[in-house]
Amino acid sequence: SMIGERETVILDVGTTTLEVAKALRGRRNLTVLTSSLHIAGVLAKEPGIRLMLTGGTVTPGDLSLIGDLAEEAFSRLRFDTLVMGVAGVDANVGCTEFSTDDARVKRAALATVRRCIVVADSSKLGVVTFARICPLDSITVVVTDARAQAEQLATLESTHVEVVVAGQDSSKRRST
């Protein structure tokens, strides 16, 4: 529901962003750029979505595209929204990823957007991994699940980032 008609959207790689892609099926008038072959497979036959791929080198495990070609794709375009998956979200360190290659692609995507929605299940809150993507002031919203602990949510909210718990009605959204 956070993605509107006529938006230009970057969908990052990962299992959580794959679920976002599934939720976008049936939408009209969207342009989506992704570096995920899994997401491309989900959206490829959607007539209302103009789908674009970054190019790059395929990683065998998660079928994401990395490297100079993937990063260069972002430098030529501007987008409304990045929906970014992360390995960790920490109030002090910010957003992190396991792979430096993935982090570079995410930073390149982030540099081209008006807003960034981080989607992270509760197991990633308060976690710091190897490669730093960005500080929390670079993102607009963190969307997580109902298993998130109140303390984790409060810590994120203390940074003035909006926190949305998926499935919670919009009048009960947690934000500062």
Protein backbone atom coordinates (compact mmCIF):
# COMPACT_ATOMS: atom_id res chain seq x y z
CA SER A 1 0.00 0.00 0.00
CA MET A 2 3.01 2.31 0.31
CA ILE A 3 3.63 2.12 -3.45
CA GLY A 4 1.32 4.31 -5.53
CA GLU A 5 0.27 4.27 -9.16
CA ARG A 6 2.79 5.73 -11.61
CA GLU A 7 5.68 5.35 -9.20
CA THR A 8 9.12 4.32 -10.32
CA VAL A 9 10.39 1.70 -7.91
CA ILE A 10 13.61 -0.18 -7.28
CA LEU A 11 13.01 -3.58 -5.73
CA ASP A 12 16.14 -4.84 -4.04
CA VAL A 13 17.13 -8.51 -3.74
CA GLY A 14 16.09 -10.86 -0.95
CA THR A 15 13.26 -12.95 0.39
CA THR A 16 11.41 -10.04 1.97
CA THR A 17 11.54 -7.92 -1.17
CA LEU A 18 10.38 -10.97 -3.12
CA GLU A 19 7.23 -10.91 -0.99
CA VAL A 20 6.82 -7.22 -1.85
CA ALA A 21 7.07 -8.13 -5.54
CA LYS A 22 4.32 -10.72 -5.10
CA ALA A 23 2.13 -8.07 -3.44
CA LEU A 24 2.63 -5.77 -6.45
CA ARG A 25 1.18 -8.30 -8.91
CA GLY A 26 -1.93 -6.94 -10.58
CA ARG A 27 -0.84 -3.32 -10.14
CA ARG A 28 -0.99 -0.89 -13.04
CA ASN A 29 1.27 1.91 -14.18
CA LEU A 30 4.39 0.98 -12.24
CA THR A 31 7.97 0.95 -13.41
CA VAL A 32 10.13 -1.49 -11.48
CA LEU A 33 13.90 -1.91 -11.71
CA THR A 34 15.46 -4.87 -9.94
CA SER A 35 18.76 -6.67 -9.66
CA SER A 36 16.98 -9.88 -8.63
CA LEU A 37 16.27 -12.65 -11.11
CA HIS A 38 13.74 -14.09 -8.63
CA ILE A 39 11.78 -10.83 -8.60
CA ALA A 40 12.05 -10.55 -12.37
CA GLY A 41 10.46 -14.00 -12.63
CA VAL A 42 7.54 -12.92 -10.43
CA LEU A 43 6.85 -9.67 -12.31
CA ALA A 44 7.83 -10.56 -15.89
CA LYS A 45 4.30 -11.36 -17.07
CA GLU A 46 2.57 -8.46 -15.32
CA PRO A 47 1.04 -6.25 -18.05
CA GLY A 48 0.69 -3.22 -15.78
CA ILE A 49 4.33 -3.22 -14.69
CA ARG A 50 7.19 -2.06 -16.85
CA LEU A 51 9.99 -4.32 -15.62
CA MET A 52 13.67 -3.50 -15.99
CA LEU A 53 16.78 -5.42 -14.92
CA THR A 54 20.08 -3.84 -13.95
CA GLY A 55 22.44 -6.25 -15.66
CA GLY A 56 25.58 -7.45 -13.98
CA THR A 57 27.15 -10.67 -12.77
CA VAL A 58 24.76 -13.30 -11.40
CA THR A 59 25.45 -14.58 -7.90
CA PRO A 60 24.77 -18.33 -7.86
CA GLY A 61 22.91 -18.59 -4.55
CA ASP A 62 20.37 -15.79 -4.49
CA LEU A 63 20.39 -15.01 -8.24
CA SER A 64 21.10 -11.34 -7.70
CA LEU A 65 23.02 -9.13 -10.11
CA ILE A 66 26.16 -7.43 -8.79
CA GLY A 67 29.18 -5.56 -10.08
CA ASP A 68 29.88 -2.51 -12.20
CA LEU A 69 27.04 -3.11 -14.66
CA ALA A 70 24.48 -3.37 -11.86
CA GLU A 71 25.77 -0.22 -10.19
CA GLU A 72 25.95 1.73 -13.47
CA ALA A 73 22.27 1.07 -14.22
CA PHE A 74 21.29 3.24 -11.26
CA SER A 75 23.50 6.18 -12.24
CA ARG A 76 21.51 6.80 -15.43
CA LEU A 77 18.03 6.89 -13.87
CA ARG A 78 16.06 8.48 -11.03
CA PHE A 79 13.38 6.70 -9.01
CA ASP A 80 10.68 7.56 -6.53
CA THR A 81 11.18 4.67 -4.13
CA LEU A 82 13.71 2.01 -3.19
CA VAL A 83 12.35 -1.01 -1.34
CA MET A 84 15.52 -2.32 0.25
CA GLY A 85 16.12 -5.59 2.03
CA VAL A 86 18.93 -5.70 4.57
CA ALA A 87 20.72 -8.23 6.75
CA GLY A 88 20.66 -5.89 9.74
CA VAL A 89 19.10 -2.66 10.98
CA ASP A 90 20.67 -1.05 14.02
CA ALA A 91 19.84 2.34 15.53
CA ASN A 92 23.52 3.28 15.90
CA VAL A 93 25.17 1.64 12.88
CA GLY A 94 22.29 1.84 10.38
CA CYS A 95 21.63 -0.71 7.64
CA THR A 96 24.12 -3.48 6.94
CA GLU A 97 24.55 -6.44 4.61
CA PHE A 98 26.64 -9.62 4.62
CA SER A 99 28.31 -9.00 1.24
CA THR A 100 30.33 -5.94 0.24
CA ASP A 101 29.20 -6.49 -3.37
CA ASP A 102 25.53 -6.40 -2.37
CA ALA A 103 26.12 -3.34 -0.18
CA ARG A 104 27.69 -1.47 -3.12
CA VAL A 105 24.67 -2.16 -5.34
CA LYS A 106 22.30 -1.04 -2.56
CA ARG A 107 24.27 2.20 -2.05
CA ALA A 108 24.12 2.90 -5.80
CA ALA A 109 20.36 2.34 -5.77
CA LEU A 110 19.90 4.53 -2.69
CA ALA A 111 21.68 7.42 -4.39
CA THR A 112 18.95 7.60 -7.06
CA VAL A 113 15.74 7.69 -5.00
CA ARG A 114 13.47 10.16 -3.31
CA ARG A 115 12.61 7.77 -0.47
CA CYS A 116 13.79 4.44 0.87
CA ILE A 117 11.57 1.83 2.50
CA VAL A 118 13.58 -0.81 4.36
CA VAL A 119 11.77 -4.12 4.72
CA ALA A 120 13.26 -6.27 7.47
CA ASP A 121 11.69 -9.05 9.48
CA SER A 122 12.08 -8.80 13.25
CA SER A 123 15.12 -11.13 13.29
CA LYS A 124 17.12 -8.37 11.57
CA LEU A 125 16.33 -5.58 14.05
CA GLY A 126 19.26 -4.64 16.28
CA VAL A 127 21.60 -6.71 14.10
CA VAL A 128 24.88 -5.45 12.63
CA THR A 129 26.55 -7.40 9.84
CA PHE A 130 29.78 -6.98 7.88
CA ALA A 131 29.14 -4.36 5.18
CA ARG A 132 27.59 -0.99 6.01
CA ILE A 133 25.01 0.30 3.53
CA CYS A 134 23.86 3.56 5.10
CA PRO A 135 22.95 5.37 8.31
CA LEU A 136 19.28 5.39 9.35
CA ASP A 137 18.88 9.04 8.35
CA SER A 138 19.17 7.86 4.73
CA ILE A 139 15.94 5.90 4.96
CA THR A 140 12.34 6.98 5.31
CA VAL A 141 10.53 3.96 6.75
CA VAL A 142 11.35 0.59 8.29
CA VAL A 143 8.66 -2.03 7.75
CA THR A 144 8.85 -5.09 9.98
CA ASP A 145 6.63 -7.87 11.29
CA ALA A 146 4.50 -8.22 14.42
CA ARG A 147 7.14 -10.37 16.15
CA ALA A 148 9.34 -7.29 16.63
CA GLN A 149 9.96 -6.58 20.29
CA ALA A 150 8.64 -3.30 21.68
CA GLU A 151 12.15 -2.36 22.84
CA GLN A 152 13.57 -2.82 19.33
CA LEU A 153 10.79 -0.70 17.84
CA ALA A 154 11.29 2.03 20.44
CA THR A 155 15.04 2.11 19.78
CA LEU A 156 14.46 2.57 16.05
CA GLU A 157 11.80 5.21 16.66
CA SER A 158 14.22 7.16 18.86
CA THR A 159 16.21 7.84 15.68
CA HIS A 160 13.13 9.55 14.16
CA VAL A 161 12.70 6.94 11.43
CA GLU A 162 9.10 5.89 10.81
CA VAL A 163 8.45 2.31 11.87
CA VAL A 164 5.56 0.35 10.39
CA VAL A 165 4.54 -3.05 11.69
CA ALA A 166 3.08 -5.01 8.76
CA GLY A 167 -0.49 -6.12 9.30
CA GLN A 168 -1.13 -3.36 11.81
CA ASP A 169 -3.87 -0.99 10.75
CA SER A 170 -2.55 2.37 9.55
CA SER A 171 -4.16 4.29 12.45
CA LYS A 172 -1.91 2.27 14.79
CA ARG A 173 1.34 2.78 12.88
CA ARG A 174 4.30 3.42 15.10
CA SER A 175 6.10 6.61 14.20
CA THR A 176 7.64 9.64 15.83
